[in-house]
């Protein structure tokens, strides 16, 4: 199972949804979405429910189980950090 953390506005949500579905299909697995950040940040709202999308919401238990892989002792730590802190490079 793959869990994608949705963040930001509608455009980003659509991209994150498409990315998650693509990865899940490529790996023959399921995808769930973490929408917990929308409880804290009220500037943006979760809007994928307005579209014809198959969105399975990850439970709190599933999210906590996944977070154990984010610890510094985990062999997966570098992968999570690679995607989390990736910055755009501006070419001149």
N, C-alpha and C. Protein backbone atom coordinates (compact mmCIF):
# COMPACT_ATOMS: atom_id res chain seq x y z
N UNK A 1 0.84 -1.18 0.00
CA UNK A 1 0.00 0.00 0.00
C UNK A 1 0.89 1.24 0.00
N UNK A 2 0.42 2.25 -0.71
CA UNK A 2 1.11 3.54 -0.80
C UNK A 2 0.21 4.58 -0.15
N UNK A 3 0.81 5.47 0.63
CA UNK A 3 0.05 6.59 1.21
C UNK A 3 0.67 7.88 0.69
N UNK A 4 -0.17 8.70 0.08
CA UNK A 4 0.25 10.01 -0.44
C UNK A 4 -0.34 11.08 0.47
N UNK A 5 0.51 11.99 0.95
CA UNK A 5 0.04 13.09 1.79
C UNK A 5 -0.36 14.24 0.88
N UNK A 6 -1.64 14.56 0.86
CA UNK A 6 -2.13 15.66 0.03
C UNK A 6 -1.88 16.98 0.75
N UNK A 7 -1.41 17.96 -0.01
CA UNK A 7 -1.14 19.29 0.54
C UNK A 7 -1.48 20.33 -0.51
N UNK A 8 -1.70 21.53 -0.05
CA UNK A 8 -1.86 22.73 -0.89
C UNK A 8 -3.21 22.78 -1.59
N UNK A 9 -3.25 23.51 -2.71
CA UNK A 9 -4.51 23.78 -3.39
C UNK A 9 -4.94 22.69 -4.36
N UNK A 10 -5.99 22.99 -5.09
CA UNK A 10 -6.61 22.00 -5.96
C UNK A 10 -5.66 21.49 -7.04
N UNK A 11 -4.88 22.35 -7.66
CA UNK A 11 -3.95 21.92 -8.70
C UNK A 11 -2.95 20.90 -8.18
N UNK A 12 -2.39 21.19 -7.00
CA UNK A 12 -1.44 20.25 -6.38
C UNK A 12 -2.14 18.96 -5.98
N UNK A 13 -3.35 19.06 -5.48
CA UNK A 13 -4.09 17.85 -5.10
C UNK A 13 -4.33 16.95 -6.31
N UNK A 14 -4.68 17.55 -7.43
CA UNK A 14 -4.90 16.76 -8.65
C UNK A 14 -3.61 16.08 -9.10
N UNK A 15 -2.49 16.80 -9.03
CA UNK A 15 -1.21 16.22 -9.40
C UNK A 15 -0.82 15.08 -8.45
N UNK A 16 -0.97 15.31 -7.14
CA UNK A 16 -0.62 14.31 -6.16
C UNK A 16 -1.50 13.07 -6.30
N UNK A 17 -2.77 13.28 -6.61
CA UNK A 17 -3.69 12.16 -6.84
C UNK A 17 -3.23 11.35 -8.05
N UNK A 18 -2.93 12.02 -9.16
CA UNK A 18 -2.51 11.34 -10.38
C UNK A 18 -1.19 10.58 -10.14
N UNK A 19 -0.27 11.19 -9.44
CA UNK A 19 1.00 10.55 -9.12
C UNK A 19 0.78 9.30 -8.29
N UNK A 20 -0.04 9.40 -7.26
CA UNK A 20 -0.31 8.26 -6.39
C UNK A 20 -0.96 7.11 -7.14
N UNK A 21 -1.95 7.43 -7.97
CA UNK A 21 -2.63 6.38 -8.75
C UNK A 21 -1.65 5.74 -9.74
N UNK A 22 -0.80 6.53 -10.37
CA UNK A 22 0.17 6.01 -11.32
C UNK A 22 1.16 5.07 -10.65
N UNK A 23 1.68 5.46 -9.49
CA UNK A 23 2.63 4.61 -8.76
C UNK A 23 1.94 3.32 -8.32
N UNK A 24 0.72 3.42 -7.85
CA UNK A 24 -0.02 2.23 -7.40
C UNK A 24 -0.27 1.27 -8.56
N UNK A 25 -0.65 1.79 -9.71
CA UNK A 25 -0.91 0.93 -10.86
C UNK A 25 0.39 0.28 -11.33
N UNK A 26 1.48 1.05 -11.37
CA UNK A 26 2.77 0.51 -11.80
C UNK A 26 3.27 -0.60 -10.89
N UNK A 27 2.94 -0.51 -9.60
CA UNK A 27 3.42 -1.49 -8.62
C UNK A 27 2.35 -2.50 -8.22
N UNK A 28 1.22 -2.46 -8.90
CA UNK A 28 0.13 -3.40 -8.65
C UNK A 28 -0.25 -3.43 -7.16
N UNK A 29 -0.49 -2.26 -6.60
CA UNK A 29 -0.85 -2.13 -5.20
C UNK A 29 -1.95 -1.09 -5.05
N UNK A 30 -2.34 -0.82 -3.84
CA UNK A 30 -3.39 0.17 -3.58
C UNK A 30 -2.76 1.48 -3.12
N UNK A 31 -3.55 2.54 -3.22
CA UNK A 31 -3.09 3.85 -2.76
C UNK A 31 -4.16 4.44 -1.86
N UNK A 32 -3.70 5.08 -0.78
CA UNK A 32 -4.58 5.82 0.11
C UNK A 32 -4.00 7.21 0.27
N UNK A 33 -4.84 8.14 0.67
CA UNK A 33 -4.44 9.53 0.75
C UNK A 33 -4.58 10.05 2.17
N UNK A 34 -3.57 10.77 2.61
CA UNK A 34 -3.55 11.40 3.94
C UNK A 34 -3.99 12.85 3.77
N UNK A 35 -5.14 13.18 4.32
CA UNK A 35 -5.66 14.55 4.21
C UNK A 35 -5.62 15.27 5.56
N UNK A 36 -4.82 14.77 6.49
CA UNK A 36 -4.79 15.31 7.84
C UNK A 36 -4.30 16.75 7.91
N UNK A 37 -3.51 17.21 6.96
CA UNK A 37 -2.99 18.58 7.04
C UNK A 37 -4.09 19.62 6.86
N UNK A 38 -5.21 19.23 6.27
CA UNK A 38 -6.30 20.19 6.07
C UNK A 38 -7.06 20.50 7.35
N UNK A 39 -6.80 19.74 8.41
CA UNK A 39 -7.39 20.05 9.71
C UNK A 39 -6.66 21.22 10.36
N UNK A 40 -5.34 21.31 10.10
CA UNK A 40 -4.51 22.35 10.71
C UNK A 40 -4.51 23.64 9.90
N UNK A 41 -4.37 23.51 8.59
CA UNK A 41 -4.26 24.67 7.72
C UNK A 41 -5.59 24.94 7.04
N UNK A 42 -6.19 26.03 7.39
CA UNK A 42 -7.53 26.32 6.86
C UNK A 42 -7.50 27.21 5.62
N UNK A 43 -6.32 27.66 5.19
CA UNK A 43 -6.24 28.50 4.00
C UNK A 43 -6.64 27.72 2.75
N UNK A 44 -6.25 26.46 2.69
CA UNK A 44 -6.60 25.58 1.57
C UNK A 44 -7.54 24.50 2.08
N UNK A 45 -8.38 23.99 1.19
CA UNK A 45 -9.32 22.95 1.56
C UNK A 45 -9.16 21.74 0.65
N UNK A 46 -9.51 20.58 1.18
CA UNK A 46 -9.52 19.35 0.40
C UNK A 46 -10.68 19.44 -0.59
N UNK A 47 -10.39 19.28 -1.89
CA UNK A 47 -11.43 19.47 -2.91
C UNK A 47 -11.59 18.32 -3.89
N UNK A 48 -10.85 17.24 -3.72
CA UNK A 48 -10.95 16.15 -4.69
C UNK A 48 -12.31 15.45 -4.67
N UNK A 49 -13.05 15.60 -3.58
CA UNK A 49 -14.36 14.97 -3.51
C UNK A 49 -15.36 15.58 -4.50
N UNK A 50 -15.03 16.71 -5.10
CA UNK A 50 -15.90 17.33 -6.10
C UNK A 50 -15.76 16.69 -7.48
N UNK A 51 -14.76 15.83 -7.64
CA UNK A 51 -14.47 15.23 -8.93
C UNK A 51 -14.75 13.74 -8.91
N UNK A 52 -14.76 13.14 -10.09
CA UNK A 52 -14.99 11.71 -10.22
C UNK A 52 -13.67 10.97 -9.96
N UNK A 53 -13.24 10.97 -8.70
CA UNK A 53 -11.98 10.35 -8.32
C UNK A 53 -12.24 9.26 -7.29
N UNK A 54 -11.40 8.25 -7.33
CA UNK A 54 -11.48 7.17 -6.34
C UNK A 54 -10.45 7.48 -5.27
N UNK A 55 -10.88 8.09 -4.20
CA UNK A 55 -9.98 8.51 -3.13
C UNK A 55 -10.30 7.73 -1.87
N UNK A 56 -9.37 6.85 -1.49
CA UNK A 56 -9.48 6.14 -0.22
C UNK A 56 -8.64 6.90 0.79
N UNK A 57 -9.27 7.35 1.86
CA UNK A 57 -8.60 8.14 2.88
C UNK A 57 -7.88 7.19 3.85
N UNK A 58 -6.61 7.48 4.12
CA UNK A 58 -5.82 6.68 5.07
C UNK A 58 -6.30 6.96 6.49
N UNK A 59 -6.36 5.92 7.28
CA UNK A 59 -6.74 6.08 8.69
C UNK A 59 -5.53 6.58 9.49
N UNK A 60 -5.80 7.09 10.67
CA UNK A 60 -4.74 7.56 11.54
C UNK A 60 -3.76 6.43 11.87
N UNK A 61 -4.28 5.23 12.06
CA UNK A 61 -3.45 4.06 12.38
C UNK A 61 -2.51 3.73 11.22
N UNK A 62 -3.01 3.79 9.99
CA UNK A 62 -2.17 3.51 8.82
C UNK A 62 -1.08 4.56 8.65
N UNK A 63 -1.41 5.81 8.93
CA UNK A 63 -0.43 6.90 8.82
C UNK A 63 0.66 6.72 9.85
N UNK A 64 0.30 6.41 11.09
CA UNK A 64 1.28 6.20 12.16
C UNK A 64 2.19 5.02 11.83
N UNK A 65 1.60 3.95 11.29
CA UNK A 65 2.39 2.78 10.91
C UNK A 65 3.43 3.14 9.85
N UNK A 66 3.05 3.96 8.89
CA UNK A 66 3.98 4.38 7.85
C UNK A 66 5.08 5.28 8.39
N UNK A 67 4.76 6.11 9.34
CA UNK A 67 5.74 7.07 9.87
C UNK A 67 6.93 6.40 10.54
N UNK A 68 6.79 5.15 10.95
CA UNK A 68 7.93 4.47 11.55
C UNK A 68 9.06 4.32 10.53
N UNK A 69 8.73 4.32 9.25
CA UNK A 69 9.75 4.23 8.21
C UNK A 69 10.46 5.56 8.01
N UNK A 70 9.90 6.64 8.52
CA UNK A 70 10.51 7.95 8.36
C UNK A 70 11.57 8.23 9.42
N UNK A 71 11.73 7.33 10.38
CA UNK A 71 12.71 7.57 11.44
C UNK A 71 14.13 7.53 10.86
N UNK A 72 15.04 8.17 11.54
CA UNK A 72 16.41 8.27 11.03
C UNK A 72 17.12 6.93 11.00
N UNK A 73 16.65 5.96 11.77
CA UNK A 73 17.27 4.64 11.79
C UNK A 73 16.81 3.78 10.62
N UNK A 74 15.83 4.23 9.90
CA UNK A 74 15.27 3.42 8.83
C UNK A 74 16.11 3.50 7.57
N UNK A 75 16.16 2.41 6.83
CA UNK A 75 16.88 2.41 5.56
C UNK A 75 16.13 3.20 4.50
N UNK A 76 14.87 3.51 4.74
CA UNK A 76 14.06 4.27 3.79
C UNK A 76 14.14 5.77 4.03
N UNK A 77 14.82 6.18 5.09
CA UNK A 77 14.87 7.59 5.46
C UNK A 77 15.38 8.48 4.33
N UNK A 78 16.41 8.05 3.62
CA UNK A 78 16.96 8.86 2.53
C UNK A 78 15.92 9.09 1.44
N UNK A 79 15.08 8.08 1.15
CA UNK A 79 14.08 8.22 0.10
C UNK A 79 13.01 9.24 0.47
N UNK A 80 12.53 9.17 1.71
CA UNK A 80 11.53 10.14 2.16
C UNK A 80 12.10 11.55 2.13
N UNK A 81 13.33 11.73 2.58
CA UNK A 81 13.94 13.05 2.59
C UNK A 81 14.22 13.56 1.19
N UNK A 82 14.55 12.67 0.27
CA UNK A 82 14.80 13.07 -1.11
C UNK A 82 13.57 13.75 -1.69
N UNK A 83 12.40 13.17 -1.49
CA UNK A 83 11.19 13.75 -2.05
C UNK A 83 10.65 14.91 -1.22
N UNK A 84 10.88 14.89 0.08
CA UNK A 84 10.35 15.93 0.93
C UNK A 84 11.11 17.25 0.77
N UNK A 85 12.42 17.17 0.64
CA UNK A 85 13.23 18.39 0.62
C UNK A 85 13.79 18.73 -0.75
N UNK A 86 13.29 18.11 -1.77
CA UNK A 86 13.76 18.38 -3.14
C UNK A 86 13.39 19.82 -3.50
N UNK A 87 14.37 20.57 -3.97
CA UNK A 87 14.12 21.96 -4.35
C UNK A 87 14.31 22.13 -5.83
N UNK A 88 13.61 23.05 -6.39
CA UNK A 88 13.72 23.33 -7.82
C UNK A 88 15.06 24.00 -8.12
N UNK A 89 15.64 23.66 -9.23
CA UNK A 89 16.89 24.25 -9.67
C UNK A 89 16.55 25.23 -10.80
N UNK A 90 16.98 26.46 -10.65
CA UNK A 90 16.71 27.48 -11.66
C UNK A 90 17.94 27.63 -12.54
N UNK A 91 17.77 27.35 -13.82
CA UNK A 91 18.86 27.49 -14.77
C UNK A 91 18.83 28.87 -15.40
N UNK A 92 20.00 29.44 -15.61
CA UNK A 92 20.06 30.77 -16.22
C UNK A 92 20.38 30.67 -17.67
